[in-house]
Amino acid sequence: MKSNDYVKYITQTVVKYIDQPKDERKKSRLEKKNAKEPFLLKWFGIIPYAIYELFNRKK
């Protein structure tokens, strides 16, 4: 990829982001955040996450 192509891609991406309404940007950020898996599940697996959820439900 040439540097000119990279600059063109970055420029298009920034312009596309700026052209979106503020509400739409917030909505997309929230969707991306909610799509992430929980930290415990990601780093330690399903067993510690299940134990954590079990104790949180009792509270």
PDB file of N, CA and C in Angstrom:
ATOM      1  N   MET A   1       0.845  -1.166   0.000  1.00  0.00           N
ATOM      2  CA  MET A   1       0.000   0.000   0.000  1.00  0.00           C
ATOM      3  C   MET A   1       0.893   1.233   0.000  1.00  0.00           C
ATOM      4  N   LYS A   2       0.629   2.101  -0.905  1.00  0.00           N
ATOM      5  CA  LYS A   2       1.409   3.330  -0.995  1.00  0.00           C
ATOM      6  C   LYS A   2       0.947   4.313   0.080  1.00  0.00           C
ATOM      7  N   SER A   3       1.815   5.234   0.421  1.00  0.00           N
ATOM      8  CA  SER A   3       1.469   6.202   1.457  1.00  0.00           C
ATOM      9  C   SER A   3       0.320   7.101   1.013  1.00  0.00           C
ATOM     10  N   ASN A   4       0.238   7.365  -0.276  1.00  0.00           N
ATOM     11  CA  ASN A   4      -0.857   8.190  -0.788  1.00  0.00           C
ATOM     12  C   ASN A   4      -2.204   7.494  -0.581  1.00  0.00           C
ATOM     13  N   ASP A   5      -2.252   6.196  -0.805  1.00  0.00           N
ATOM     14  CA  ASP A   5      -3.485   5.435  -0.585  1.00  0.00           C
ATOM     15  C   ASP A   5      -3.872   5.452   0.890  1.00  0.00           C
ATOM     16  N   TYR A   6      -2.889   5.348   1.750  1.00  0.00           N
ATOM     17  CA  TYR A   6      -3.148   5.357   3.188  1.00  0.00           C
ATOM     18  C   TYR A   6      -3.721   6.701   3.632  1.00  0.00           C
ATOM     19  N   VAL A   7      -3.146   7.782   3.157  1.00  0.00           N
ATOM     20  CA  VAL A   7      -3.640   9.123   3.489  1.00  0.00           C
ATOM     21  C   VAL A   7      -5.063   9.293   2.980  1.00  0.00           C
ATOM     22  N   LYS A   8      -5.342   8.796   1.802  1.00  0.00           N
ATOM     23  CA  LYS A   8      -6.680   8.883   1.229  1.00  0.00           C
ATOM     24  C   LYS A   8      -7.686   8.108   2.089  1.00  0.00           C
ATOM     25  N   TYR A   9      -7.303   6.916   2.518  1.00  0.00           N
ATOM     26  CA  TYR A   9      -8.174   6.088   3.358  1.00  0.00           C
ATOM     27  C   TYR A   9      -8.455   6.780   4.697  1.00  0.00           C
ATOM     28  N   ILE A  10      -7.421   7.297   5.342  1.00  0.00           N
ATOM     29  CA  ILE A  10      -7.585   7.978   6.626  1.00  0.00           C
ATOM     30  C   ILE A  10      -8.487   9.202   6.461  1.00  0.00           C
ATOM     31  N   THR A  11      -8.278   9.958   5.405  1.00  0.00           N
ATOM     32  CA  THR A  11      -9.091  11.150   5.156  1.00  0.00           C
ATOM     33  C   THR A  11     -10.555  10.776   4.960  1.00  0.00           C
ATOM     34  N   GLN A  12     -10.811   9.736   4.187  1.00  0.00           N
ATOM     35  CA  GLN A  12     -12.191   9.299   3.956  1.00  0.00           C
ATOM     36  C   GLN A  12     -12.840   8.845   5.256  1.00  0.00           C
ATOM     37  N   THR A  13     -12.094   8.141   6.076  1.00  0.00           N
ATOM     38  CA  THR A  13     -12.627   7.658   7.336  1.00  0.00           C
ATOM     39  C   THR A  13     -12.973   8.807   8.273  1.00  0.00           C
ATOM     40  N   VAL A  14     -12.097   9.786   8.364  1.00  0.00           N
ATOM     41  CA  VAL A  14     -12.337  10.944   9.235  1.00  0.00           C
ATOM     42  C   VAL A  14     -13.531  11.747   8.742  1.00  0.00           C
ATOM     43  N   VAL A  15     -13.607  11.967   7.454  1.00  0.00           N
ATOM     44  CA  VAL A  15     -14.726  12.742   6.903  1.00  0.00           C
ATOM     45  C   VAL A  15     -16.044  12.002   7.123  1.00  0.00           C
ATOM     46  N   LYS A  16     -16.035  10.698   6.946  1.00  0.00           N
ATOM     47  CA  LYS A  16     -17.239   9.894   7.169  1.00  0.00           C
ATOM     48  C   LYS A  16     -17.686  10.000   8.628  1.00  0.00           C
ATOM     49  N   TYR A  17     -16.732   9.969   9.558  1.00  0.00           N
ATOM     50  CA  TYR A  17     -17.037  10.089  10.984  1.00  0.00           C
ATOM     51  C   TYR A  17     -17.600  11.460  11.318  1.00  0.00           C
ATOM     52  N   ILE A  18     -16.996  12.512  10.773  1.00  0.00           N
ATOM     53  CA  ILE A  18     -17.426  13.874  11.066  1.00  0.00           C
ATOM     54  C   ILE A  18     -18.810  14.165  10.476  1.00  0.00           C
ATOM     55  N   ASP A  19     -19.122  13.568   9.333  1.00  0.00           N
ATOM     56  CA  ASP A  19     -20.414  13.805   8.686  1.00  0.00           C
ATOM     57  C   ASP A  19     -21.582  13.149   9.418  1.00  0.00           C
ATOM     58  N   GLN A  20     -21.316  12.175  10.281  1.00  0.00           N
ATOM     59  CA  GLN A  20     -22.381  11.519  11.021  1.00  0.00           C
ATOM     60  C   GLN A  20     -22.936  12.466  12.081  1.00  0.00           C
ATOM     61  N   PRO A  21     -24.233  12.401  12.320  1.00  0.00           N
ATOM     62  CA  PRO A  21     -24.798  13.195  13.414  1.00  0.00           C
ATOM     63  C   PRO A  21     -24.254  12.713  14.769  1.00  0.00           C
ATOM     64  N   LYS A  22     -24.242  13.601  15.733  1.00  0.00           N
ATOM     65  CA  LYS A  22     -23.675  13.291  17.043  1.00  0.00           C
ATOM     66  C   LYS A  22     -24.406  12.122  17.706  1.00  0.00           C
ATOM     67  N   ASP A  23     -25.707  12.067  17.578  1.00  0.00           N
ATOM     68  CA  ASP A  23     -26.482  10.980  18.178  1.00  0.00           C
ATOM     69  C   ASP A  23     -26.099   9.631  17.591  1.00  0.00           C
ATOM     70  N   GLU A  24     -25.881   9.605  16.303  1.00  0.00           N
ATOM     71  CA  GLU A  24     -25.503   8.352  15.634  1.00  0.00           C
ATOM     72  C   GLU A  24     -24.118   7.886  16.084  1.00  0.00           C
ATOM     73  N   ARG A  25     -23.200   8.823  16.283  1.00  0.00           N
ATOM     74  CA  ARG A  25     -21.861   8.477  16.770  1.00  0.00           C
ATOM     75  C   ARG A  25     -21.931   7.879  18.171  1.00  0.00           C
ATOM     76  N   LYS A  26     -22.745   8.491  19.041  1.00  0.00           N
ATOM     77  CA  LYS A  26     -22.905   7.971  20.390  1.00  0.00           C
ATOM     78  C   LYS A  26     -23.520   6.576  20.369  1.00  0.00           C
ATOM     79  N   LYS A  27     -24.510   6.402  19.506  1.00  0.00           N
ATOM     80  CA  LYS A  27     -25.181   5.109  19.403  1.00  0.00           C
ATOM     81  C   LYS A  27     -24.207   4.020  18.956  1.00  0.00           C
ATOM     82  N   SER A  28     -23.378   4.322  17.969  1.00  0.00           N
ATOM     83  CA  SER A  28     -22.424   3.324  17.484  1.00  0.00           C
ATOM     84  C   SER A  28     -21.367   2.996  18.541  1.00  0.00           C
ATOM     85  N   ARG A  29     -20.948   4.011  19.331  1.00  0.00           N
ATOM     86  CA  ARG A  29     -19.983   3.756  20.405  1.00  0.00           C
ATOM     87  C   ARG A  29     -20.574   2.852  21.478  1.00  0.00           C
ATOM     88  N   LEU A  30     -21.844   3.100  21.840  1.00  0.00           N
ATOM     89  CA  LEU A  30     -22.502   2.270  22.836  1.00  0.00           C
ATOM     90  C   LEU A  30     -22.675   0.834  22.343  1.00  0.00           C
ATOM     91  N   GLU A  31     -23.038   0.677  21.074  1.00  0.00           N
ATOM     92  CA  GLU A  31     -23.191  -0.670  20.514  1.00  0.00           C
ATOM     93  C   GLU A  31     -21.870  -1.419  20.536  1.00  0.00           C
ATOM     94  N   LYS A  32     -20.795  -0.732  20.191  1.00  0.00           N
ATOM     95  CA  LYS A  32     -19.480  -1.363  20.202  1.00  0.00           C
ATOM     96  C   LYS A  32     -19.069  -1.751  21.622  1.00  0.00           C
ATOM     97  N   LYS A  33     -19.374  -0.888  22.577  1.00  0.00           N
ATOM     98  CA  LYS A  33     -19.022  -1.154  23.968  1.00  0.00           C
ATOM     99  C   LYS A  33     -19.818  -2.344  24.505  1.00  0.00           C
ATOM    100  N   ASN A  34     -21.096  -2.417  24.179  1.00  0.00           N
ATOM    101  CA  ASN A  34     -21.936  -3.509  24.659  1.00  0.00           C
ATOM    102  C   ASN A  34     -21.608  -4.832  23.991  1.00  0.00           C
ATOM    103  N   ALA A  35     -20.995  -4.802  22.837  1.00  0.00           N
ATOM    104  CA  ALA A  35     -20.663  -6.032  22.124  1.00  0.00           C
ATOM    105  C   ALA A  35     -19.430  -6.725  22.709  1.00  0.00           C
ATOM    106  N   LYS A  36     -18.648  -6.000  23.502  1.00  0.00           N
ATOM    107  CA  LYS A  36     -17.454  -6.591  24.096  1.00  0.00           C
ATOM    108  C   LYS A  36     -17.844  -7.616  25.151  1.00  0.00           C
ATOM    109  N   GLU A  37     -17.047  -8.681  25.258  1.00  0.00           N
ATOM    110  CA  GLU A  37     -17.301  -9.657  26.303  1.00  0.00           C
ATOM    111  C   GLU A  37     -16.696  -9.161  27.616  1.00  0.00           C
ATOM    112  N   PRO A  38     -17.252  -9.603  28.740  1.00  0.00           N
ATOM    113  CA  PRO A  38     -16.764  -9.141  30.042  1.00  0.00           C
ATOM    114  C   PRO A  38     -15.291  -9.483  30.262  1.00  0.00           C
ATOM    115  N   PHE A  39     -14.614  -8.667  31.072  1.00  0.00           N
ATOM    116  CA  PHE A  39     -13.185  -8.812  31.339  1.00  0.00           C
ATOM    117  C   PHE A  39     -12.849 -10.187  31.919  1.00  0.00           C
ATOM    118  N   LEU A  40     -13.623 -10.623  32.914  1.00  0.00           N
ATOM    119  CA  LEU A  40     -13.342 -11.916  33.538  1.00  0.00           C
ATOM    120  C   LEU A  40     -13.431 -13.061  32.536  1.00  0.00           C
ATOM    121  N   LEU A  41     -14.416 -13.012  31.692  1.00  0.00           N
ATOM    122  CA  LEU A  41     -14.589 -14.061  30.691  1.00  0.00           C
ATOM    123  C   LEU A  41     -13.448 -14.046  29.686  1.00  0.00           C
ATOM    124  N   LYS A  42     -13.049 -12.874  29.287  1.00  0.00           N
ATOM    125  CA  LYS A  42     -11.996 -12.743  28.276  1.00  0.00           C
ATOM    126  C   LYS A  42     -10.651 -13.256  28.783  1.00  0.00           C
ATOM    127  N   TRP A  43     -10.296 -12.927  30.019  1.00  0.00           N
ATOM    128  CA  TRP A  43      -8.964 -13.244  30.519  1.00  0.00           C
ATOM    129  C   TRP A  43      -8.882 -14.533  31.321  1.00  0.00           C
ATOM    130  N   PHE A  44      -9.962 -14.949  31.967  1.00  0.00           N
ATOM    131  CA  PHE A  44      -9.869 -16.099  32.854  1.00  0.00           C
ATOM    132  C   PHE A  44     -10.763 -17.270  32.476  1.00  0.00           C
ATOM    133  N   GLY A  45     -11.642 -17.110  31.540  1.00  0.00           N
ATOM    134  CA  GLY A  45     -12.475 -18.216  31.090  1.00  0.00           C
ATOM    135  C   GLY A  45     -13.871 -18.185  31.680  1.00  0.00           C
ATOM    136  N   ILE A  46     -14.618 -19.219  31.398  1.00  0.00           N
ATOM    137  CA  ILE A  46     -16.032 -19.258  31.752  1.00  0.00           C
ATOM    138  C   ILE A  46     -16.264 -19.619  33.214  1.00  0.00           C
ATOM    139  N   ILE A  47     -15.421 -20.436  33.824  1.00  0.00           N
ATOM    140  CA  ILE A  47     -15.648 -20.892  35.204  1.00  0.00           C
ATOM    141  C   ILE A  47     -15.601 -19.724  36.198  1.00  0.00           C
ATOM    142  N   PRO A  48     -14.536 -18.913  36.224  1.00  0.00           N
ATOM    143  CA  PRO A  48     -14.532 -17.779  37.166  1.00  0.00           C
ATOM    144  C   PRO A  48     -15.672 -16.789  36.899  1.00  0.00           C
ATOM    145  N   TYR A  49     -16.006 -16.598  35.647  1.00  0.00           N
ATOM    146  CA  TYR A  49     -17.105 -15.693  35.309  1.00  0.00           C
ATOM    147  C   TYR A  49     -18.431 -16.242  35.823  1.00  0.00           C
ATOM    148  N   ALA A  50     -18.646 -17.526  35.707  1.00  0.00           N
ATOM    149  CA  ALA A  50     -19.881 -18.142  36.189  1.00  0.00           C
ATOM    150  C   ALA A  50     -19.986 -18.019  37.711  1.00  0.00           C
ATOM    151  N   ILE A  51     -18.875 -18.219  38.409  1.00  0.00           N
ATOM    152  CA  ILE A  51     -18.868 -18.071  39.873  1.00  0.00           C
ATOM    153  C   ILE A  51     -19.177 -16.631  40.256  1.00  0.00           C
ATOM    154  N   TYR A  52     -18.580 -15.698  39.561  1.00  0.00           N
ATOM    155  CA  TYR A  52     -18.821 -14.277  39.812  1.00  0.00           C
ATOM    156  C   TYR A  52     -20.298 -13.931  39.618  1.00  0.00           C
ATOM    157  N   GLU A  53     -20.884 -14.399  38.542  1.00  0.00           N
ATOM    158  CA  GLU A  53     -22.293 -14.127  38.263  1.00  0.00           C
ATOM    159  C   GLU A  53     -23.190 -14.797  39.302  1.00  0.00           C
ATOM    160  N   LEU A  54     -22.819 -15.980  39.772  1.00  0.00           N
ATOM    161  CA  LEU A  54     -23.598 -16.678  40.772  1.00  0.00           C
ATOM    162  C   LEU A  54     -23.673 -15.861  42.068  1.00  0.00           C
ATOM    163  N   PHE A  55     -22.556 -15.319  42.499  1.00  0.00           N
ATOM    164  CA  PHE A  55     -22.539 -14.512  43.714  1.00  0.00           C
ATOM    165  C   PHE A  55     -23.249 -13.170  43.525  1.00  0.00           C
ATOM    166  N   ASN A  56     -23.190 -12.598  42.356  1.00  0.00           N
ATOM    167  CA  ASN A  56     -23.871 -11.326  42.118  1.00  0.00           C
ATOM    168  C   ASN A  56     -25.383 -11.460  42.090  1.00  0.00           C
ATOM    169  N   ARG A  57     -25.883 -12.589  41.688  1.00  0.00           N
ATOM    170  CA  ARG A  57     -27.341 -12.783  41.634  1.00  0.00           C
ATOM    171  C   ARG A  57     -27.942 -12.869  43.039  1.00  0.00           C
ATOM    172  N   LYS A  58     -27.158 -13.365  43.998  1.00  0.00           N
ATOM    173  CA  LYS A  58     -27.668 -13.503  45.365  1.00  0.00           C
ATOM    174  C   LYS A  58     -27.818 -12.158  46.050  1.00  0.00           C
ATOM    175  N   LYS A  59     -27.078 -11.154  45.612  1.00  0.00           N
ATOM    176  CA  LYS A  59     -27.131  -9.840  46.273  1.00  0.00           C
ATOM    177  C   LYS A  59     -28.385  -9.134  45.990  1.00  0.00           C
TER     178      LYS A  59
END
